[in-house]
PDB file of N, CA and C in Angstrom:
ATOM      1  N   UNK A   1       0.841  -1.160   0.000  1.00  0.00           N
ATOM      2  CA  UNK A   1       0.000   0.000   0.000  1.00  0.00           C
ATOM      3  C   UNK A   1       0.895   1.235   0.000  1.00  0.00           C
ATOM      4  N   UNK A   2       0.598   2.154  -0.822  1.00  0.00           N
ATOM      5  CA  UNK A   2       1.353   3.402  -0.844  1.00  0.00           C
ATOM      6  C   UNK A   2       1.000   4.233   0.390  1.00  0.00           C
ATOM      7  N   UNK A   3       2.013   4.799   1.018  1.00  0.00           N
ATOM      8  CA  UNK A   3       1.796   5.616   2.219  1.00  0.00           C
ATOM      9  C   UNK A   3       0.779   6.738   1.979  1.00  0.00           C
ATOM     10  N   UNK A   4       0.766   7.287   0.792  1.00  0.00           N
ATOM     11  CA  UNK A   4      -0.148   8.387   0.475  1.00  0.00           C
ATOM     12  C   UNK A   4      -1.620   7.989   0.566  1.00  0.00           C
ATOM     13  N   UNK A   5      -1.919   6.696   0.475  1.00  0.00           N
ATOM     14  CA  UNK A   5      -3.306   6.230   0.557  1.00  0.00           C
ATOM     15  C   UNK A   5      -3.936   6.546   1.910  1.00  0.00           C
ATOM     16  N   UNK A   6      -3.121   6.668   2.944  1.00  0.00           N
ATOM     17  CA  UNK A   6      -3.652   6.956   4.278  1.00  0.00           C
ATOM     18  C   UNK A   6      -4.481   8.237   4.256  1.00  0.00           C
ATOM     19  N   UNK A   7      -4.107   9.170   3.415  1.00  0.00           N
ATOM     20  CA  UNK A   7      -4.814  10.445   3.331  1.00  0.00           C
ATOM     21  C   UNK A   7      -6.242  10.313   2.811  1.00  0.00           C
ATOM     22  N   UNK A   8      -6.554   9.224   2.112  1.00  0.00           N
ATOM     23  CA  UNK A   8      -7.892   9.085   1.527  1.00  0.00           C
ATOM     24  C   UNK A   8      -8.719   7.975   2.165  1.00  0.00           C
ATOM     25  N   UNK A   9      -8.125   7.191   3.056  1.00  0.00           N
ATOM     26  CA  UNK A   9      -8.853   6.070   3.663  1.00  0.00           C
ATOM     27  C   UNK A   9      -9.585   6.507   4.924  1.00  0.00           C
ATOM     28  N   UNK A  10     -10.767   5.921   5.127  1.00  0.00           N
ATOM     29  CA  UNK A  10     -11.564   6.163   6.330  1.00  0.00           C
ATOM     30  C   UNK A  10     -12.043   4.818   6.864  1.00  0.00           C
ATOM     31  N   UNK A  11     -12.345   4.781   8.140  1.00  0.00           N
ATOM     32  CA  UNK A  11     -12.854   3.560   8.765  1.00  0.00           C
ATOM     33  C   UNK A  11     -14.198   3.193   8.126  1.00  0.00           C
ATOM     34  N   UNK A  12     -14.355   1.955   7.658  1.00  0.00           N
ATOM     35  CA  UNK A  12     -15.623   1.565   7.040  1.00  0.00           C
ATOM     36  C   UNK A  12     -16.777   1.461   8.044  1.00  0.00           C
ATOM     37  N   UNK A  13     -16.468   1.408   9.329  1.00  0.00           N
ATOM     38  CA  UNK A  13     -17.520   1.283  10.344  1.00  0.00           C
ATOM     39  C   UNK A  13     -18.069   2.650  10.754  1.00  0.00           C
ATOM     40  N   UNK A  14     -17.183   3.563  11.168  1.00  0.00           N
ATOM     41  CA  UNK A  14     -17.669   4.860  11.657  1.00  0.00           C
ATOM     42  C   UNK A  14     -17.257   6.045  10.782  1.00  0.00           C
ATOM     43  N   UNK A  15     -16.586   5.761   9.684  1.00  0.00           N
ATOM     44  CA  UNK A  15     -16.182   6.775   8.692  1.00  0.00           C
ATOM     45  C   UNK A  15     -15.156   7.780   9.222  1.00  0.00           C
ATOM     46  N   UNK A  16     -14.516   7.463  10.347  1.00  0.00           N
ATOM     47  CA  UNK A  16     -13.497   8.357  10.905  1.00  0.00           C
ATOM     48  C   UNK A  16     -12.296   8.464   9.967  1.00  0.00           C
ATOM     49  N   UNK A  17     -11.769   9.663   9.882  1.00  0.00           N
ATOM     50  CA  UNK A  17     -10.620   9.948   9.020  1.00  0.00           C
ATOM     51  C   UNK A  17      -9.767  10.983   9.723  1.00  0.00           C
ATOM     52  N   UNK A  18      -8.489  10.936   9.706  1.00  0.00           N
ATOM     53  CA  UNK A  18      -7.624   9.942   9.077  1.00  0.00           C
ATOM     54  C   UNK A  18      -7.364   8.765  10.010  1.00  0.00           C
ATOM     55  N   UNK A  19      -6.915   7.680   9.414  1.00  0.00           N
ATOM     56  CA  UNK A  19      -6.523   6.501  10.173  1.00  0.00           C
ATOM     57  C   UNK A  19      -5.048   6.610  10.536  1.00  0.00           C
ATOM     58  N   UNK A  20      -4.681   6.014  11.646  1.00  0.00           N
ATOM     59  CA  UNK A  20      -3.283   5.994  12.063  1.00  0.00           C
ATOM     60  C   UNK A  20      -2.579   4.831  11.364  1.00  0.00           C
ATOM     61  N   UNK A  21      -1.434   5.099  10.789  1.00  0.00           N
ATOM     62  CA  UNK A  21      -0.657   4.069  10.093  1.00  0.00           C
ATOM     63  C   UNK A  21       0.481   3.604  10.992  1.00  0.00           C
ATOM     64  N   UNK A  22       0.529   2.289  11.211  1.00  0.00           N
ATOM     65  CA  UNK A  22       1.630   1.672  11.952  1.00  0.00           C
ATOM     66  C   UNK A  22       2.360   0.774  10.961  1.00  0.00           C
ATOM     67  N   UNK A  23       3.569   1.149  10.625  1.00  0.00           N
ATOM     68  CA  UNK A  23       4.357   0.380   9.657  1.00  0.00           C
ATOM     69  C   UNK A  23       5.136  -0.723  10.360  1.00  0.00           C
ATOM     70  N   UNK A  24       5.075  -1.910   9.796  1.00  0.00           N
ATOM     71  CA  UNK A  24       5.850  -3.038  10.311  1.00  0.00           C
ATOM     72  C   UNK A  24       7.003  -3.332   9.357  1.00  0.00           C
ATOM     73  N   UNK A  25       6.676  -3.483   8.088  1.00  0.00           N
ATOM     74  CA  UNK A  25       7.689  -3.667   7.043  1.00  0.00           C
ATOM     75  C   UNK A  25       7.359  -2.718   5.905  1.00  0.00           C
ATOM     76  N   UNK A  26       8.385  -2.061   5.390  1.00  0.00           N
ATOM     77  CA  UNK A  26       8.155  -1.141   4.278  1.00  0.00           C
ATOM     78  C   UNK A  26       9.358  -1.145   3.347  1.00  0.00           C
ATOM     79  N   UNK A  27       9.110  -0.645   2.157  1.00  0.00           N
ATOM     80  CA  UNK A  27      10.156  -0.531   1.147  1.00  0.00           C
ATOM     81  C   UNK A  27       9.860   0.707   0.323  1.00  0.00           C
ATOM     82  N   UNK A  28      10.702   1.708   0.443  1.00  0.00           N
ATOM     83  CA  UNK A  28      10.460   2.955  -0.281  1.00  0.00           C
ATOM     84  C   UNK A  28       9.164   3.578   0.166  1.00  0.00           C
ATOM     85  N   UNK A  29       8.260   3.830  -0.763  1.00  0.00           N
ATOM     86  CA  UNK A  29       6.961   4.435  -0.455  1.00  0.00           C
ATOM     87  C   UNK A  29       5.880   3.390  -0.184  1.00  0.00           C
ATOM     88  N   UNK A  30       6.230   2.119  -0.218  1.00  0.00           N
ATOM     89  CA  UNK A  30       5.254   1.045  -0.037  1.00  0.00           C
ATOM     90  C   UNK A  30       5.297   0.486   1.383  1.00  0.00           C
ATOM     91  N   UNK A  31       4.119   0.311   1.969  1.00  0.00           N
ATOM     92  CA  UNK A  31       3.992  -0.400   3.239  1.00  0.00           C
ATOM     93  C   UNK A  31       3.643  -1.836   2.881  1.00  0.00           C
ATOM     94  N   UNK A  32       4.524  -2.748   3.223  1.00  0.00           N
ATOM     95  CA  UNK A  32       4.324  -4.160   2.890  1.00  0.00           C
ATOM     96  C   UNK A  32       3.465  -4.848   3.942  1.00  0.00           C
ATOM     97  N   UNK A  33       3.807  -4.632   5.203  1.00  0.00           N
ATOM     98  CA  UNK A  33       3.048  -5.169   6.332  1.00  0.00           C
ATOM     99  C   UNK A  33       2.838  -4.022   7.312  1.00  0.00           C
ATOM    100  N   UNK A  34       1.659  -3.946   7.875  1.00  0.00           N
ATOM    101  CA  UNK A  34       1.381  -2.888   8.832  1.00  0.00           C
ATOM    102  C   UNK A  34      -0.045  -2.954   9.324  1.00  0.00           C
ATOM    103  N   UNK A  35      -0.461  -1.877   9.968  1.00  0.00           N
ATOM    104  CA  UNK A  35      -1.799  -1.804  10.547  1.00  0.00           C
ATOM    105  C   UNK A  35      -2.334  -0.392  10.346  1.00  0.00           C
ATOM    106  N   UNK A  36      -3.605  -0.309   9.995  1.00  0.00           N
ATOM    107  CA  UNK A  36      -4.332   0.956  10.004  1.00  0.00           C
ATOM    108  C   UNK A  36      -5.234   0.920  11.229  1.00  0.00           C
ATOM    109  N   UNK A  37      -5.206   1.967  12.026  1.00  0.00           N
ATOM    110  CA  UNK A  37      -5.977   2.007  13.266  1.00  0.00           C
ATOM    111  C   UNK A  37      -6.935   3.183  13.248  1.00  0.00           C
ATOM    112  N   UNK A  38      -8.199   2.904  13.550  1.00  0.00           N
ATOM    113  CA  UNK A  38      -9.185   3.955  13.749  1.00  0.00           C
ATOM    114  C   UNK A  38      -9.165   4.313  15.228  1.00  0.00           C
ATOM    115  N   UNK A  39      -8.718   5.509  15.547  1.00  0.00           N
ATOM    116  CA  UNK A  39      -8.607   5.909  16.953  1.00  0.00           C
ATOM    117  C   UNK A  39      -9.968   6.212  17.573  1.00  0.00           C
ATOM    118  N   UNK A  40     -10.991   6.311  16.761  1.00  0.00           N
ATOM    119  CA  UNK A  40     -12.331   6.585  17.283  1.00  0.00           C
ATOM    120  C   UNK A  40     -13.005   5.316  17.802  1.00  0.00           C
ATOM    121  N   UNK A  41     -12.932   4.219  17.052  1.00  0.00           N
ATOM    122  CA  UNK A  41     -13.609   2.981  17.474  1.00  0.00           C
ATOM    123  C   UNK A  41     -12.625   1.870  17.849  1.00  0.00           C
ATOM    124  N   UNK A  42     -11.332   2.152  17.807  1.00  0.00           N
ATOM    125  CA  UNK A  42     -10.268   1.191  18.152  1.00  0.00           C
ATOM    126  C   UNK A  42     -10.265  -0.047  17.266  1.00  0.00           C
ATOM    127  N   UNK A  43     -10.771   0.095  16.037  1.00  0.00           N
ATOM    128  CA  UNK A  43     -10.681  -1.016  15.090  1.00  0.00           C
ATOM    129  C   UNK A  43      -9.359  -0.916  14.350  1.00  0.00           C
ATOM    130  N   UNK A  44      -8.767  -2.079  14.131  1.00  0.00           N
ATOM    131  CA  UNK A  44      -7.537  -2.125  13.356  1.00  0.00           C
ATOM    132  C   UNK A  44      -7.802  -2.882  12.069  1.00  0.00           C
ATOM    133  N   UNK A  45      -7.052  -2.518  11.061  1.00  0.00           N
ATOM    134  CA  UNK A  45      -7.155  -3.160   9.749  1.00  0.00           C
ATOM    135  C   UNK A  45      -5.744  -3.538   9.329  1.00  0.00           C
ATOM    136  N   UNK A  46      -5.469  -4.846   9.210  1.00  0.00           N
ATOM    137  CA  UNK A  46      -4.116  -5.262   8.849  1.00  0.00           C
ATOM    138  C   UNK A  46      -3.787  -4.918   7.399  1.00  0.00           C
ATOM    139  N   UNK A  47      -2.533  -4.624   7.171  1.00  0.00           N
ATOM    140  CA  UNK A  47      -2.001  -4.479   5.814  1.00  0.00           C
ATOM    141  C   UNK A  47      -1.142  -5.713   5.599  1.00  0.00           C
ATOM    142  N   UNK A  48      -1.543  -6.555   4.647  1.00  0.00           N
ATOM    143  CA  UNK A  48      -0.847  -7.816   4.375  1.00  0.00           C
ATOM    144  C   UNK A  48      -0.424  -7.851   2.921  1.00  0.00           C
ATOM    145  N   UNK A  49       0.844  -8.068   2.693  1.00  0.00           N
ATOM    146  CA  UNK A  49       1.368  -8.127   1.327  1.00  0.00           C
ATOM    147  C   UNK A  49       0.949  -6.894   0.520  1.00  0.00           C
ATOM    148  N   UNK A  50       1.079  -5.730   1.143  1.00  0.00           N
ATOM    149  CA  UNK A  50       0.804  -4.418   0.543  1.00  0.00           C
ATOM    150  C   UNK A  50      -0.683  -4.108   0.369  1.00  0.00           C
ATOM    151  N   UNK A  51      -1.577  -4.961   0.878  1.00  0.00           N
ATOM    152  CA  UNK A  51      -3.017  -4.763   0.691  1.00  0.00           C
ATOM    153  C   UNK A  51      -3.687  -4.498   2.035  1.00  0.00           C
ATOM    154  N   UNK A  52      -4.331  -3.327   2.192  1.00  0.00           N
ATOM    155  CA  UNK A  52      -5.081  -3.080   3.425  1.00  0.00           C
ATOM    156  C   UNK A  52      -6.389  -3.878   3.411  1.00  0.00           C
ATOM    157  N   UNK A  53      -6.614  -4.653   4.459  1.00  0.00           N
ATOM    158  CA  UNK A  53      -7.820  -5.477   4.561  1.00  0.00           C
ATOM    159  C   UNK A  53      -8.826  -4.693   5.406  1.00  0.00           C
ATOM    160  N   UNK A  54      -9.711  -3.970   4.724  1.00  0.00           N
ATOM    161  CA  UNK A  54     -10.637  -3.045   5.388  1.00  0.00           C
ATOM    162  C   UNK A  54     -12.080  -3.511   5.234  1.00  0.00           C
ATOM    163  N   UNK A  55     -12.342  -4.694   5.734  1.00  0.00           N
ATOM    164  CA  UNK A  55     -13.674  -5.276   5.657  1.00  0.00           C
ATOM    165  C   UNK A  55     -14.456  -4.993   6.932  1.00  0.00           C
ATOM    166  N   UNK A  56     -15.797  -4.951   6.837  1.00  0.00           N
ATOM    167  CA  UNK A  56     -16.591  -4.850   8.058  1.00  0.00           C
ATOM    168  C   UNK A  56     -16.407  -6.120   8.902  1.00  0.00           C
ATOM    169  N   UNK A  57     -16.691  -6.006  10.185  1.00  0.00           N
ATOM    170  CA  UNK A  57     -16.441  -7.103  11.126  1.00  0.00           C
ATOM    171  C   UNK A  57     -16.993  -8.441  10.662  1.00  0.00           C
ATOM    172  N   UNK A  58     -18.220  -8.449  10.176  1.00  0.00           N
ATOM    173  CA  UNK A  58     -18.868  -9.714   9.821  1.00  0.00           C
ATOM    174  C   UNK A  58     -18.224 -10.412   8.620  1.00  0.00           C
ATOM    175  N   UNK A  59     -17.410  -9.704   7.847  1.00  0.00           N
ATOM    176  CA  UNK A  59     -16.744 -10.309   6.691  1.00  0.00           C
ATOM    177  C   UNK A  59     -15.267 -10.613   6.947  1.00  0.00           C
ATOM    178  N   UNK A  60     -14.785 -10.266   8.124  1.00  0.00           N
ATOM    179  CA  UNK A  60     -13.377 -10.496   8.441  1.00  0.00           C
ATOM    180  C   UNK A  60     -13.149 -11.942   8.866  1.00  0.00           C
ATOM    181  N   UNK A  61     -11.936 -12.410   8.605  1.00  0.00           N
ATOM    182  CA  UNK A  61     -11.540 -13.755   8.991  1.00  0.00           C
ATOM    183  C   UNK A  61     -10.829 -13.669  10.343  1.00  0.00           C
ATOM    184  N   UNK A  62     -11.512 -14.100  11.396  1.00  0.00           N
ATOM    185  CA  UNK A  62     -10.975 -13.973  12.754  1.00  0.00           C
ATOM    186  C   UNK A  62      -9.620 -14.656  12.893  1.00  0.00           C
ATOM    187  N   UNK A  63      -9.506 -15.872  12.416  1.00  0.00           N
ATOM    188  CA  UNK A  63      -8.251 -16.605  12.586  1.00  0.00           C
ATOM    189  C   UNK A  63      -7.101 -15.929  11.855  1.00  0.00           C
ATOM    190  N   UNK A  64      -7.357 -15.402  10.677  1.00  0.00           N
ATOM    191  CA  UNK A  64      -6.312 -14.699   9.932  1.00  0.00           C
ATOM    192  C   UNK A  64      -5.850 -13.456  10.694  1.00  0.00           C
ATOM    193  N   UNK A  65      -6.799 -12.708  11.270  1.00  0.00           N
ATOM    194  CA  UNK A  65      -6.441 -11.518  12.046  1.00  0.00           C
ATOM    195  C   UNK A  65      -5.652 -11.885  13.302  1.00  0.00           C
ATOM    196  N   UNK A  66      -6.071 -12.920  14.012  1.00  0.00           N
ATOM    197  CA  UNK A  66      -5.353 -13.369  15.216  1.00  0.00           C
ATOM    198  C   UNK A  66      -3.954 -13.838  14.848  1.00  0.00           C
ATOM    199  N   UNK A  67      -3.828 -14.594  13.760  1.00  0.00           N
ATOM    200  CA  UNK A  67      -2.505 -15.047  13.301  1.00  0.00           C
ATOM    201  C   UNK A  67      -1.608 -13.856  12.979  1.00  0.00           C
ATOM    202  N   UNK A  68      -2.174 -12.830  12.345  1.00  0.00           N
ATOM    203  CA  UNK A  68      -1.425 -11.617  12.023  1.00  0.00           C
ATOM    204  C   UNK A  68      -0.911 -10.953  13.300  1.00  0.00           C
ATOM    205  N   UNK A  69      -1.787 -10.805  14.299  1.00  0.00           N
ATOM    206  CA  UNK A  69      -1.380 -10.184  15.562  1.00  0.00           C
ATOM    207  C   UNK A  69      -0.302 -11.003  16.270  1.00  0.00           C
ATOM    208  N   UNK A  70      -0.440 -12.315  16.257  1.00  0.00           N
ATOM    209  CA  UNK A  70       0.564 -13.159  16.903  1.00  0.00           C
ATOM    210  C   UNK A  70       1.912 -13.069  16.196  1.00  0.00           C
ATOM    211  N   UNK A  71       1.889 -13.055  14.884  1.00  0.00           N
ATOM    212  CA  UNK A  71       3.135 -12.988  14.111  1.00  0.00           C
ATOM    213  C   UNK A  71       3.876 -11.680  14.356  1.00  0.00           C
ATOM    214  N   UNK A  72       3.145 -10.581  14.511  1.00  0.00           N
ATOM    215  CA  UNK A  72       3.760  -9.265  14.638  1.00  0.00           C
ATOM    216  C   UNK A  72       3.607  -8.665  16.039  1.00  0.00           C
ATOM    217  N   UNK A  73       3.364  -9.483  17.049  1.00  0.00           N
ATOM    218  CA  UNK A  73       3.084  -8.932  18.377  1.00  0.00           C
ATOM    219  C   UNK A  73       4.227  -8.118  18.968  1.00  0.00           C
ATOM    220  N   UNK A  74       5.442  -8.337  18.485  1.00  0.00           N
ATOM    221  CA  UNK A  74       6.566  -7.533  18.982  1.00  0.00           C
ATOM    222  C   UNK A  74       6.633  -6.156  18.317  1.00  0.00           C
ATOM    223  N   UNK A  75       5.821  -5.918  17.257  1.00  0.00           N
ATOM    224  CA  UNK A  75       5.847  -4.638  16.540  1.00  0.00           C
ATOM    225  C   UNK A  75       4.508  -3.911  16.526  1.00  0.00           C
ATOM    226  N   UNK A  76       3.455  -4.594  16.922  1.00  0.00           N
ATOM    227  CA  UNK A  76       2.126  -3.978  16.957  1.00  0.00           C
ATOM    228  C   UNK A  76       1.926  -3.368  18.345  1.00  0.00           C
ATOM    229  N   UNK A  77       1.409  -2.139  18.420  1.00  0.00           N
ATOM    230  CA  UNK A  77       1.203  -1.498  19.727  1.00  0.00           C
ATOM    231  C   UNK A  77       0.315  -2.337  20.660  1.00  0.00           C
ATOM    232  N   UNK A  78       0.627  -2.233  21.931  1.00  0.00           N
ATOM    233  CA  UNK A  78      -0.104  -2.980  22.967  1.00  0.00           C
ATOM    234  C   UNK A  78      -1.603  -2.678  22.938  1.00  0.00           C
ATOM    235  N   UNK A  79      -1.990  -1.432  22.640  1.00  0.00           N
ATOM    236  CA  UNK A  79      -3.414  -1.077  22.616  1.00  0.00           C
ATOM    237  C   UNK A  79      -4.182  -1.891  21.578  1.00  0.00           C
ATOM    238  N   UNK A  80      -3.530  -2.281  20.494  1.00  0.00           N
ATOM    239  CA  UNK A  80      -4.181  -3.122  19.485  1.00  0.00           C
ATOM    240  C   UNK A  80      -4.172  -4.575  19.936  1.00  0.00           C
ATOM    241  N   UNK A  81      -3.033  -5.033  20.439  1.00  0.00           N
ATOM    242  CA  UNK A  81      -2.913  -6.428  20.867  1.00  0.00           C
ATOM    243  C   UNK A  81      -3.915  -6.777  21.967  1.00  0.00           C
ATOM    244  N   UNK A  82      -4.129  -5.865  22.910  1.00  0.00           N
ATOM    245  CA  UNK A  82      -4.960  -6.165  24.080  1.00  0.00           C
ATOM    246  C   UNK A  82      -6.385  -5.621  24.010  1.00  0.00           C
ATOM    247  N   UNK A  83      -6.624  -4.600  23.177  1.00  0.00           N
ATOM    248  CA  UNK A  83      -7.941  -3.966  23.181  1.00  0.00           C
ATOM    249  C   UNK A  83      -8.507  -3.685  21.796  1.00  0.00           C
ATOM    250  N   UNK A  84      -7.805  -4.075  20.738  1.00  0.00           N
ATOM    251  CA  UNK A  84      -8.258  -3.776  19.380  1.00  0.00           C
ATOM    252  C   UNK A  84      -9.554  -4.477  19.019  1.00  0.00           C
ATOM    253  N   UNK A  85     -10.346  -3.810  18.209  1.00  0.00           N
ATOM    254  CA  UNK A  85     -11.596  -4.388  17.712  1.00  0.00           C
ATOM    255  C   UNK A  85     -11.398  -4.873  16.289  1.00  0.00           C
ATOM    256  N   UNK A  86     -12.048  -5.882  15.813  1.00  0.00           N
ATOM    257  CA  UNK A  86     -13.109  -6.628  16.467  1.00  0.00           C
ATOM    258  C   UNK A  86     -12.613  -7.734  17.402  1.00  0.00           C
ATOM    259  N   UNK A  87     -11.338  -8.110  17.342  1.00  0.00           N
ATOM    260  CA  UNK A  87     -10.786  -9.110  18.270  1.00  0.00           C
ATOM    261  C   UNK A  87      -9.329  -8.782  18.556  1.00  0.00           C
ATOM    262  N   UNK A  88      -8.837  -9.357  19.612  1.00  0.00           N
ATOM    263  CA  UNK A  88      -7.475  -9.097  20.048  1.00  0.00           C
ATOM    264  C   UNK A  88      -6.915 -10.335  20.734  1.00  0.00           C
ATOM    265  N   UNK A  89      -5.659 -10.278  21.122  1.00  0.00           N
ATOM    266  CA  UNK A  89      -5.030 -11.436  21.780  1.00  0.00           C
ATOM    267  C   UNK A  89      -5.440 -11.524  23.231  1.00  0.00           C
TER     268      UNK A  89
END
């Protein structure tokens, strides 16, 4: 995902803008792995293989999100790991 996309993305649940970008892996202007966080509703949206996964809760894959958090727990902020919506560790 290009870093500049953060300027146009909003939370699909509450439409809050802008989202907070937490970079885990990046290359140049591309975020390869990371998290978009809505500070209003505490929902996080993983960025996997340069693609932000911004689905509503009912369409998200819980196990994939939990696996993502476990894999990157040393780089994802504690507020997401322990209190992020729709699920956390």
